[in-house]
């Protein structure tokens, strides 16, 4: 499927923003945010997120993020999970998925 140049530019911008959020959050968020780094509220929530973070296949990551978002809609880790989802869609060359996940990521940090 061929995408218009403007859509590709938006996708690349979202990918770049998403990746810069990952880098800036990993390095500076605990210092800039008085609440510190995102925290799981329960051991089960942390385990569910770790399944996302350690998934070896992009499709598994995407599915695990959907499950996580459904089960933990108010999780502090949801923004990070959406970043993982955005990168997973990029790895499978799903531009529409990148746009959707990127938008969720940005809305989570707005």
C-alpha atoms as a PDB file:
ATOM      1  CA  UNK A   1       0.000   0.000   0.000  1.00  0.00           C
ATOM      2  CA  UNK A   2       1.351   3.427  -0.917  1.00  0.00           C
ATOM      3  CA  UNK A   3       1.006   6.256   1.592  1.00  0.00           C
ATOM      4  CA  UNK A   4       0.958   9.997   0.805  1.00  0.00           C
ATOM      5  CA  UNK A   5       4.151  11.856   1.702  1.00  0.00           C
ATOM      6  CA  UNK A   6       2.347  13.966   4.303  1.00  0.00           C
ATOM      7  CA  UNK A   7       1.195  10.829   6.147  1.00  0.00           C
ATOM      8  CA  UNK A   8       4.722   9.424   6.110  1.00  0.00           C
ATOM      9  CA  UNK A   9       6.092  12.701   7.467  1.00  0.00           C
ATOM     10  CA  UNK A  10       3.567  12.634  10.309  1.00  0.00           C
ATOM     11  CA  UNK A  11       4.450   9.006  11.043  1.00  0.00           C
ATOM     12  CA  UNK A  12       8.163   9.773  11.128  1.00  0.00           C
ATOM     13  CA  UNK A  13       7.517  12.747  13.394  1.00  0.00           C
ATOM     14  CA  UNK A  14       5.486  10.593  15.778  1.00  0.00           C
ATOM     15  CA  UNK A  15       8.179   7.926  15.791  1.00  0.00           C
ATOM     16  CA  UNK A  16      10.832  10.531  16.513  1.00  0.00           C
ATOM     17  CA  UNK A  17       8.764  12.092  19.294  1.00  0.00           C
ATOM     18  CA  UNK A  18       7.974   8.698  20.756  1.00  0.00           C
ATOM     19  CA  UNK A  19      11.632   7.691  20.777  1.00  0.00           C
ATOM     20  CA  UNK A  20      12.695  11.005  22.284  1.00  0.00           C
ATOM     21  CA  UNK A  21      10.043  10.522  24.990  1.00  0.00           C
ATOM     22  CA  UNK A  22      11.511   7.110  25.745  1.00  0.00           C
ATOM     23  CA  UNK A  23      15.005   8.551  26.006  1.00  0.00           C
ATOM     24  CA  UNK A  24      14.013  11.634  27.988  1.00  0.00           C
ATOM     25  CA  UNK A  25      11.758   9.664  30.327  1.00  0.00           C
ATOM     26  CA  UNK A  26      14.391   7.046  30.957  1.00  0.00           C
ATOM     27  CA  UNK A  27      17.049   9.627  31.696  1.00  0.00           C
ATOM     28  CA  UNK A  28      15.310  12.637  33.178  1.00  0.00           C
ATOM     29  CA  UNK A  29      11.734  11.896  34.236  1.00  0.00           C
ATOM     30  CA  UNK A  30      12.628  10.727  37.741  1.00  0.00           C
ATOM     31  CA  UNK A  31      14.523  14.002  38.208  1.00  0.00           C
ATOM     32  CA  UNK A  32      11.963  16.331  36.615  1.00  0.00           C
ATOM     33  CA  UNK A  33       8.758  14.722  37.832  1.00  0.00           C
ATOM     34  CA  UNK A  34       8.170  15.131  41.561  1.00  0.00           C
ATOM     35  CA  UNK A  35       6.339  11.806  41.603  1.00  0.00           C
ATOM     36  CA  UNK A  36       9.405  10.109  40.175  1.00  0.00           C
ATOM     37  CA  UNK A  37       9.376   7.258  37.730  1.00  0.00           C
ATOM     38  CA  UNK A  38       6.110   5.474  36.912  1.00  0.00           C
ATOM     39  CA  UNK A  39       5.297   2.787  39.439  1.00  0.00           C
ATOM     40  CA  UNK A  40       3.121  -0.301  39.351  1.00  0.00           C
ATOM     41  CA  UNK A  41       0.462  -0.399  42.040  1.00  0.00           C
ATOM     42  CA  UNK A  42       0.587  -4.174  42.452  1.00  0.00           C
ATOM     43  CA  UNK A  43       3.057  -6.979  41.762  1.00  0.00           C
ATOM     44  CA  UNK A  44       0.610  -8.338  39.150  1.00  0.00           C
ATOM     45  CA  UNK A  45       0.625  -5.011  37.304  1.00  0.00           C
ATOM     46  CA  UNK A  46       4.419  -4.983  37.277  1.00  0.00           C
ATOM     47  CA  UNK A  47       4.519  -8.580  36.035  1.00  0.00           C
ATOM     48  CA  UNK A  48       2.082  -7.685  33.233  1.00  0.00           C
ATOM     49  CA  UNK A  49       4.261  -4.750  32.183  1.00  0.00           C
ATOM     50  CA  UNK A  50       7.416  -6.874  32.326  1.00  0.00           C
ATOM     51  CA  UNK A  51       5.780  -9.275  29.860  1.00  0.00           C
ATOM     52  CA  UNK A  52       5.557  -6.320  27.455  1.00  0.00           C
ATOM     53  CA  UNK A  53       9.106  -5.148  28.107  1.00  0.00           C
ATOM     54  CA  UNK A  54      10.610  -8.603  27.635  1.00  0.00           C
ATOM     55  CA  UNK A  55       8.559  -9.771  24.659  1.00  0.00           C
ATOM     56  CA  UNK A  56      10.821 -10.987  21.869  1.00  0.00           C
ATOM     57  CA  UNK A  57       8.334 -10.532  19.019  1.00  0.00           C
ATOM     58  CA  UNK A  58       6.649  -7.298  17.983  1.00  0.00           C
ATOM     59  CA  UNK A  59       3.239  -8.920  17.495  1.00  0.00           C
ATOM     60  CA  UNK A  60       3.419 -10.309  21.037  1.00  0.00           C
ATOM     61  CA  UNK A  61       4.292  -6.839  22.361  1.00  0.00           C
ATOM     62  CA  UNK A  62       1.299  -5.327  20.563  1.00  0.00           C
ATOM     63  CA  UNK A  63      -1.078  -7.937  21.976  1.00  0.00           C
ATOM     64  CA  UNK A  64       0.358  -7.646  25.496  1.00  0.00           C
ATOM     65  CA  UNK A  65      -0.077  -3.845  25.434  1.00  0.00           C
ATOM     66  CA  UNK A  66      -3.747  -4.256  24.478  1.00  0.00           C
ATOM     67  CA  UNK A  67      -4.241  -6.680  27.366  1.00  0.00           C
ATOM     68  CA  UNK A  68      -2.366  -4.392  29.761  1.00  0.00           C
ATOM     69  CA  UNK A  69      -4.374  -1.301  28.746  1.00  0.00           C
ATOM     70  CA  UNK A  70      -7.611  -3.214  29.200  1.00  0.00           C
ATOM     71  CA  UNK A  71      -6.689  -4.576  32.612  1.00  0.00           C
ATOM     72  CA  UNK A  72      -4.843  -1.505  33.970  1.00  0.00           C
ATOM     73  CA  UNK A  73      -6.390   1.579  32.281  1.00  0.00           C
ATOM     74  CA  UNK A  74      -5.141   3.967  34.974  1.00  0.00           C
ATOM     75  CA  UNK A  75      -1.642   2.501  35.303  1.00  0.00           C
ATOM     76  CA  UNK A  76       1.289   4.876  35.528  1.00  0.00           C
ATOM     77  CA  UNK A  77       3.124   2.398  33.278  1.00  0.00           C
ATOM     78  CA  UNK A  78       0.590   2.715  30.467  1.00  0.00           C
ATOM     79  CA  UNK A  79       2.446   5.573  28.753  1.00  0.00           C
ATOM     80  CA  UNK A  80       5.631   3.523  28.663  1.00  0.00           C
ATOM     81  CA  UNK A  81       3.649   0.531  27.389  1.00  0.00           C
ATOM     82  CA  UNK A  82       2.232   2.674  24.572  1.00  0.00           C
ATOM     83  CA  UNK A  83       5.785   3.710  23.655  1.00  0.00           C
ATOM     84  CA  UNK A  84       6.695   0.034  23.424  1.00  0.00           C
ATOM     85  CA  UNK A  85       3.631  -0.536  21.247  1.00  0.00           C
ATOM     86  CA  UNK A  86       4.601   2.327  18.918  1.00  0.00           C
ATOM     87  CA  UNK A  87       8.054   0.845  18.394  1.00  0.00           C
ATOM     88  CA  UNK A  88       6.580  -2.631  17.871  1.00  0.00           C
ATOM     89  CA  UNK A  89       4.299  -1.321  15.111  1.00  0.00           C
ATOM     90  CA  UNK A  90       7.333   0.352  13.522  1.00  0.00           C
ATOM     91  CA  UNK A  91       9.196  -2.963  13.547  1.00  0.00           C
ATOM     92  CA  UNK A  92       6.364  -4.689  11.671  1.00  0.00           C
ATOM     93  CA  UNK A  93       6.083  -1.772   9.208  1.00  0.00           C
ATOM     94  CA  UNK A  94       2.488  -0.951  10.190  1.00  0.00           C
ATOM     95  CA  UNK A  95       2.310   2.811   9.624  1.00  0.00           C
ATOM     96  CA  UNK A  96      -1.322   3.074  10.718  1.00  0.00           C
ATOM     97  CA  UNK A  97      -0.486   1.242  13.932  1.00  0.00           C
ATOM     98  CA  UNK A  98       2.457   3.585  14.532  1.00  0.00           C
ATOM     99  CA  UNK A  99       0.141   6.570  14.158  1.00  0.00           C
ATOM    100  CA  UNK A 100      -2.514   5.161  16.502  1.00  0.00           C
ATOM    101  CA  UNK A 101      -0.044   4.039  19.174  1.00  0.00           C
ATOM    102  CA  UNK A 102       1.986   7.235  18.852  1.00  0.00           C
ATOM    103  CA  UNK A 103      -1.131   9.308  19.395  1.00  0.00           C
ATOM    104  CA  UNK A 104      -2.022   7.273  22.515  1.00  0.00           C
ATOM    105  CA  UNK A 105       1.537   7.765  23.787  1.00  0.00           C
ATOM    106  CA  UNK A 106       1.463  11.518  23.287  1.00  0.00           C
ATOM    107  CA  UNK A 107      -1.999  11.847  24.846  1.00  0.00           C
ATOM    108  CA  UNK A 108      -0.783   9.936  27.897  1.00  0.00           C
ATOM    109  CA  UNK A 109       1.971  12.523  28.459  1.00  0.00           C
ATOM    110  CA  UNK A 110      -0.122  15.604  27.623  1.00  0.00           C
END
